[in-house]
C-alpha cells in the first residue's frame, strides 16, 4: 500500500519523469493508461507541476519510501465542483491498486479541502478501456464533450465523467 500525501517542491523533479513515462513515449506502452499512440511530445513540465501545489489545487503523490510511484491533481472549480486530473502511475506498477488509492485520496481532498459535492474529469474519447475503469469506480459520462487541450489532426475530444461525493 502506497503512502499518499500532498506533493512538495522537492517532489517535482523526480515526479516529472514518472508522469512522462506514464503518458507518452515507448515506456508508456508498458502500462495500459497511456496516450502514446494518440499524442506525442511532452505531457507536462516542471512549471506546470509547480502551479498545482497550492491555491485551489492540490497535487498528491503516491510513494513507496522515497520512490514516487504516481500522482493525481485535484482542484476546486467552485460551486461544489472539483476536477480530477493528471492521474498517473509508473507504467511498470500499473494494475496494482495505486491508481485506485490516488483516486480515493483525490476524492477525499475534493470533499474535505474544497467542500465539493461532486467531482469531474475528462478522458480522451478513444480510451474506452480507461473510461470503463472510471465507470467501475463510480464515475458516469455526463453527456458533455470538450475539445482536447492541444490542437491535433485528426482532433481528439474529451469525454466528461462526473461522480457525486458522499458527505
C-alpha atoms as a PDB file:
ATOM      1  CA  UNK A   1       0.000   0.000   0.000  1.00  0.00           C
ATOM      2  CA  UNK A   2       1.430   3.351  -1.056  1.00  0.00           C
ATOM      3  CA  UNK A   3       1.673   6.404   1.151  1.00  0.00           C
ATOM      4  CA  UNK A   4      -0.214   9.320  -0.422  1.00  0.00           C
ATOM      5  CA  UNK A   5       0.499  12.893   0.592  1.00  0.00           C
ATOM      6  CA  UNK A   6       0.494  16.400  -0.876  1.00  0.00           C
ATOM      7  CA  UNK A   7       3.463  16.979  -3.169  1.00  0.00           C
ATOM      8  CA  UNK A   8       6.195  19.402  -2.225  1.00  0.00           C
ATOM      9  CA  UNK A   9       8.577  21.411  -4.362  1.00  0.00           C
ATOM     10  CA  UNK A  10      11.232  18.737  -3.720  1.00  0.00           C
ATOM     11  CA  UNK A  11       8.970  16.068  -5.281  1.00  0.00           C
ATOM     12  CA  UNK A  12       8.609  17.799  -8.647  1.00  0.00           C
ATOM     13  CA  UNK A  13      11.940  16.874 -10.283  1.00  0.00           C
ATOM     14  CA  UNK A  14      11.586  13.126  -9.545  1.00  0.00           C
ATOM     15  CA  UNK A  15       7.834  13.205 -10.314  1.00  0.00           C
ATOM     16  CA  UNK A  16       8.158  14.740 -13.776  1.00  0.00           C
ATOM     17  CA  UNK A  17       9.765  11.690 -15.464  1.00  0.00           C
ATOM     18  CA  UNK A  18       7.138   9.399 -13.862  1.00  0.00           C
ATOM     19  CA  UNK A  19       4.389  11.498 -15.481  1.00  0.00           C
ATOM     20  CA  UNK A  20       6.141  11.423 -18.843  1.00  0.00           C
ATOM     21  CA  UNK A  21       6.710   7.642 -18.667  1.00  0.00           C
ATOM     22  CA  UNK A  22       3.065   7.065 -17.793  1.00  0.00           C
ATOM     23  CA  UNK A  23       1.569   9.154 -20.600  1.00  0.00           C
ATOM     24  CA  UNK A  24       3.981   9.361 -23.523  1.00  0.00           C
ATOM     25  CA  UNK A  25       6.678   7.528 -25.446  1.00  0.00           C
ATOM     26  CA  UNK A  26       7.588   3.871 -25.733  1.00  0.00           C
ATOM     27  CA  UNK A  27       7.943   3.438 -21.967  1.00  0.00           C
ATOM     28  CA  UNK A  28       4.257   4.308 -21.533  1.00  0.00           C
ATOM     29  CA  UNK A  29       3.272   1.249 -23.564  1.00  0.00           C
ATOM     30  CA  UNK A  30       4.341  -0.949 -20.633  1.00  0.00           C
ATOM     31  CA  UNK A  31       1.150   0.236 -18.910  1.00  0.00           C
ATOM     32  CA  UNK A  32      -2.439   0.398 -20.110  1.00  0.00           C
ATOM     33  CA  UNK A  33      -3.382   4.040 -19.396  1.00  0.00           C
ATOM     34  CA  UNK A  34      -1.056   5.831 -21.825  1.00  0.00           C
ATOM     35  CA  UNK A  35      -1.698   8.340 -24.622  1.00  0.00           C
ATOM     36  CA  UNK A  36       1.428   7.301 -26.532  1.00  0.00           C
ATOM     37  CA  UNK A  37      -0.465   6.121 -29.621  1.00  0.00           C
ATOM     38  CA  UNK A  38      -2.582   9.293 -29.775  1.00  0.00           C
ATOM     39  CA  UNK A  39      -0.370  12.207 -28.685  1.00  0.00           C
ATOM     40  CA  UNK A  40       3.358  12.912 -28.960  1.00  0.00           C
ATOM     41  CA  UNK A  41       5.595  15.386 -27.181  1.00  0.00           C
ATOM     42  CA  UNK A  42       5.971  16.279 -23.546  1.00  0.00           C
ATOM     43  CA  UNK A  43       2.883  15.778 -21.320  1.00  0.00           C
ATOM     44  CA  UNK A  44       3.771  18.493 -18.817  1.00  0.00           C
ATOM     45  CA  UNK A  45       6.687  20.492 -17.433  1.00  0.00           C
ATOM     46  CA  UNK A  46       8.053  21.470 -14.038  1.00  0.00           C
ATOM     47  CA  UNK A  47       6.452  24.923 -14.134  1.00  0.00           C
ATOM     48  CA  UNK A  48       3.012  23.420 -14.715  1.00  0.00           C
ATOM     49  CA  UNK A  49       3.536  20.876 -11.929  1.00  0.00           C
ATOM     50  CA  UNK A  50       4.661  23.681  -9.611  1.00  0.00           C
ATOM     51  CA  UNK A  51       1.429  25.575 -10.346  1.00  0.00           C
ATOM     52  CA  UNK A  52      -0.573  22.620  -8.966  1.00  0.00           C
ATOM     53  CA  UNK A  53       0.924  22.763  -5.464  1.00  0.00           C
ATOM     54  CA  UNK A  54      -1.350  25.278  -3.785  1.00  0.00           C
ATOM     55  CA  UNK A  55      -4.244  27.695  -4.050  1.00  0.00           C
ATOM     56  CA  UNK A  56      -7.351  25.940  -5.334  1.00  0.00           C
ATOM     57  CA  UNK A  57      -5.282  22.935  -6.413  1.00  0.00           C
ATOM     58  CA  UNK A  58      -3.561  20.014  -4.735  1.00  0.00           C
ATOM     59  CA  UNK A  59      -1.040  17.689  -6.335  1.00  0.00           C
ATOM     60  CA  UNK A  60      -0.905  14.395  -4.467  1.00  0.00           C
ATOM     61  CA  UNK A  61       1.913  11.878  -4.811  1.00  0.00           C
ATOM     62  CA  UNK A  62       1.984   8.151  -4.084  1.00  0.00           C
ATOM     63  CA  UNK A  63       5.229   6.913  -2.556  1.00  0.00           C
ATOM     64  CA  UNK A  64       6.960   3.741  -1.535  1.00  0.00           C
ATOM     65  CA  UNK A  65       9.640   5.033   0.798  1.00  0.00           C
ATOM     66  CA  UNK A  66      11.331   7.828  -1.168  1.00  0.00           C
ATOM     67  CA  UNK A  67      10.254   6.466  -4.567  1.00  0.00           C
ATOM     68  CA  UNK A  68       7.449   8.314  -6.322  1.00  0.00           C
ATOM     69  CA  UNK A  69       5.008   5.828  -7.839  1.00  0.00           C
ATOM     70  CA  UNK A  70       2.461   8.232  -9.318  1.00  0.00           C
ATOM     71  CA  UNK A  71       0.332  11.291  -8.757  1.00  0.00           C
ATOM     72  CA  UNK A  72      -3.066  12.910  -9.134  1.00  0.00           C
ATOM     73  CA  UNK A  73      -4.211  16.514  -9.186  1.00  0.00           C
ATOM     74  CA  UNK A  74      -7.459  17.741  -7.691  1.00  0.00           C
ATOM     75  CA  UNK A  75      -8.643  21.321  -7.978  1.00  0.00           C
ATOM     76  CA  UNK A  76     -11.678  23.328  -6.982  1.00  0.00           C
ATOM     77  CA  UNK A  77     -13.913  24.562  -9.767  1.00  0.00           C
ATOM     78  CA  UNK A  78     -16.190  26.368  -7.278  1.00  0.00           C
ATOM     79  CA  UNK A  79     -19.868  25.809  -6.678  1.00  0.00           C
ATOM     80  CA  UNK A  80     -19.285  22.424  -5.043  1.00  0.00           C
ATOM     81  CA  UNK A  81     -17.423  21.023  -8.063  1.00  0.00           C
ATOM     82  CA  UNK A  82     -13.876  19.665  -8.114  1.00  0.00           C
ATOM     83  CA  UNK A  83     -11.764  18.468 -11.039  1.00  0.00           C
ATOM     84  CA  UNK A  84      -9.547  15.361 -11.038  1.00  0.00           C
ATOM     85  CA  UNK A  85      -6.649  15.314 -13.478  1.00  0.00           C
ATOM     86  CA  UNK A  86      -3.095  14.152 -14.126  1.00  0.00           C
ATOM     87  CA  UNK A  87      -3.752  10.728 -12.629  1.00  0.00           C
ATOM     88  CA  UNK A  88      -0.760   8.550 -13.402  1.00  0.00           C
ATOM     89  CA  UNK A  89       1.108   5.557 -12.076  1.00  0.00           C
ATOM     90  CA  UNK A  90       4.525   4.416 -13.262  1.00  0.00           C
ATOM     91  CA  UNK A  91       3.767   2.026 -16.163  1.00  0.00           C
ATOM     92  CA  UNK A  92       5.716  -0.824 -14.522  1.00  0.00           C
ATOM     93  CA  UNK A  93       3.411  -0.591 -11.468  1.00  0.00           C
ATOM     94  CA  UNK A  94       0.005  -0.169 -13.104  1.00  0.00           C
ATOM     95  CA  UNK A  95      -2.864  -2.533 -12.276  1.00  0.00           C
ATOM     96  CA  UNK A  96      -1.629  -2.898  -8.682  1.00  0.00           C
ATOM     97  CA  UNK A  97      -4.174  -0.656  -6.940  1.00  0.00           C
ATOM     98  CA  UNK A  98      -2.107   2.533  -6.726  1.00  0.00           C
ATOM     99  CA  UNK A  99      -4.398   4.385  -9.147  1.00  0.00           C
ATOM    100  CA  UNK A 100      -7.436   3.412  -7.101  1.00  0.00           C
ATOM    101  CA  UNK A 101      -5.699   4.737  -3.953  1.00  0.00           C
ATOM    102  CA  UNK A 102      -4.852   8.011  -5.707  1.00  0.00           C
ATOM    103  CA  UNK A 103      -8.436   8.477  -6.920  1.00  0.00           C
ATOM    104  CA  UNK A 104      -9.775   7.847  -3.397  1.00  0.00           C
ATOM    105  CA  UNK A 105      -7.300  10.389  -1.971  1.00  0.00           C
ATOM    106  CA  UNK A 106      -8.275  12.946  -4.629  1.00  0.00           C
ATOM    107  CA  UNK A 107     -11.965  12.451  -3.879  1.00  0.00           C
ATOM    108  CA  UNK A 108     -11.350  12.874  -0.131  1.00  0.00           C
ATOM    109  CA  UNK A 109      -9.333  16.034  -0.796  1.00  0.00           C
ATOM    110  CA  UNK A 110     -12.091  17.395  -3.042  1.00  0.00           C
ATOM    111  CA  UNK A 111     -14.674  16.772  -0.332  1.00  0.00           C
ATOM    112  CA  UNK A 112     -12.647  17.758   2.737  1.00  0.00           C
ATOM    113  CA  UNK A 113     -10.476  20.599   1.400  1.00  0.00           C
ATOM    114  CA  UNK A 114     -12.678  22.113  -1.294  1.00  0.00           C
ATOM    115  CA  UNK A 115     -16.144  21.190   0.110  1.00  0.00           C
ATOM    116  CA  UNK A 116     -17.009  19.599  -3.233  1.00  0.00           C
ATOM    117  CA  UNK A 117     -20.227  17.620  -3.597  1.00  0.00           C
ATOM    118  CA  UNK A 118     -19.183  16.222  -6.970  1.00  0.00           C
ATOM    119  CA  UNK A 119     -16.011  15.676  -8.942  1.00  0.00           C
ATOM    120  CA  UNK A 120     -15.441  15.621 -12.685  1.00  0.00           C
ATOM    121  CA  UNK A 121     -12.677  14.581 -15.025  1.00  0.00           C
ATOM    122  CA  UNK A 122     -12.058  14.388 -18.745  1.00  0.00           C
ATOM    123  CA  UNK A 123     -10.798  11.351 -20.651  1.00  0.00           C
ATOM    124  CA  UNK A 124      -9.852  11.102 -24.326  1.00  0.00           C
ATOM    125  CA  UNK A 125     -12.926   9.728 -26.086  1.00  0.00           C
ATOM    126  CA  UNK A 126     -10.905   6.971 -27.808  1.00  0.00           C
ATOM    127  CA  UNK A 127      -9.829   5.490 -24.464  1.00  0.00           C
ATOM    128  CA  UNK A 128     -12.826   3.154 -23.961  1.00  0.00           C
ATOM    129  CA  UNK A 129     -10.971   0.866 -21.528  1.00  0.00           C
ATOM    130  CA  UNK A 130      -9.969   3.822 -19.346  1.00  0.00           C
ATOM    131  CA  UNK A 131     -13.496   5.261 -19.388  1.00  0.00           C
ATOM    132  CA  UNK A 132     -14.787   1.811 -18.379  1.00  0.00           C
ATOM    133  CA  UNK A 133     -12.320   1.743 -15.438  1.00  0.00           C
ATOM    134  CA  UNK A 134     -13.653   5.073 -14.169  1.00  0.00           C
ATOM    135  CA  UNK A 135     -17.259   3.908 -14.624  1.00  0.00           C
ATOM    136  CA  UNK A 136     -16.456   0.865 -12.461  1.00  0.00           C
ATOM    137  CA  UNK A 137     -15.238   3.332  -9.823  1.00  0.00           C
ATOM    138  CA  UNK A 138     -18.454   5.351  -9.723  1.00  0.00           C
ATOM    139  CA  UNK A 139     -17.936   7.919 -12.488  1.00  0.00           C
ATOM    140  CA  UNK A 140     -20.592   8.384 -15.165  1.00  0.00           C
ATOM    141  CA  UNK A 141     -20.454  10.095 -18.559  1.00  0.00           C
ATOM    142  CA  UNK A 142     -22.212  13.446 -18.276  1.00  0.00           C
ATOM    143  CA  UNK A 143     -23.051  13.561 -21.977  1.00  0.00           C
ATOM    144  CA  UNK A 144     -20.705  16.541 -22.399  1.00  0.00           C
ATOM    145  CA  UNK A 145     -17.559  16.506 -24.507  1.00  0.00           C
ATOM    146  CA  UNK A 146     -14.808  19.107 -24.633  1.00  0.00           C
ATOM    147  CA  UNK A 147     -12.050  19.683 -27.158  1.00  0.00           C
ATOM    148  CA  UNK A 148      -8.633  18.182 -26.430  1.00  0.00           C
ATOM    149  CA  UNK A 149      -6.448  20.986 -24.988  1.00  0.00           C
ATOM    150  CA  UNK A 150      -3.870  20.670 -27.791  1.00  0.00           C
ATOM    151  CA  UNK A 151      -4.794  21.086 -31.440  1.00  0.00           C
ATOM    152  CA  UNK A 152      -4.233  17.829 -33.312  1.00  0.00           C
ATOM    153  CA  UNK A 153      -5.043  16.456 -36.741  1.00  0.00           C
ATOM    154  CA  UNK A 154      -7.253  14.497 -36.539  1.00  0.00           C
ATOM    155  CA  UNK A 155      -8.713  16.266 -33.491  1.00  0.00           C
ATOM    156  CA  UNK A 156      -9.402  14.460 -30.231  1.00  0.00           C
ATOM    157  CA  UNK A 157     -12.335  15.041 -27.892  1.00  0.00           C
ATOM    158  CA  UNK A 158     -12.563  14.661 -24.151  1.00  0.00           C
ATOM    159  CA  UNK A 159     -15.487  12.859 -22.513  1.00  0.00           C
ATOM    160  CA  UNK A 160     -16.601  14.467 -19.238  1.00  0.00           C
ATOM    161  CA  UNK A 161     -17.157  11.987 -16.404  1.00  0.00           C
ATOM    162  CA  UNK A 162     -18.795  13.016 -13.104  1.00  0.00           C
ATOM    163  CA  UNK A 163     -19.154  11.378  -9.694  1.00  0.00           C
ATOM    164  CA  UNK A 164     -21.136  12.559  -6.687  1.00  0.00           C
ATOM    165  CA  UNK A 165     -19.072  12.653  -3.495  1.00  0.00           C
ATOM    166  CA  UNK A 166     -20.563  11.259  -0.298  1.00  0.00           C
ATOM    167  CA  UNK A 167     -20.633  13.657   2.647  1.00  0.00           C
END
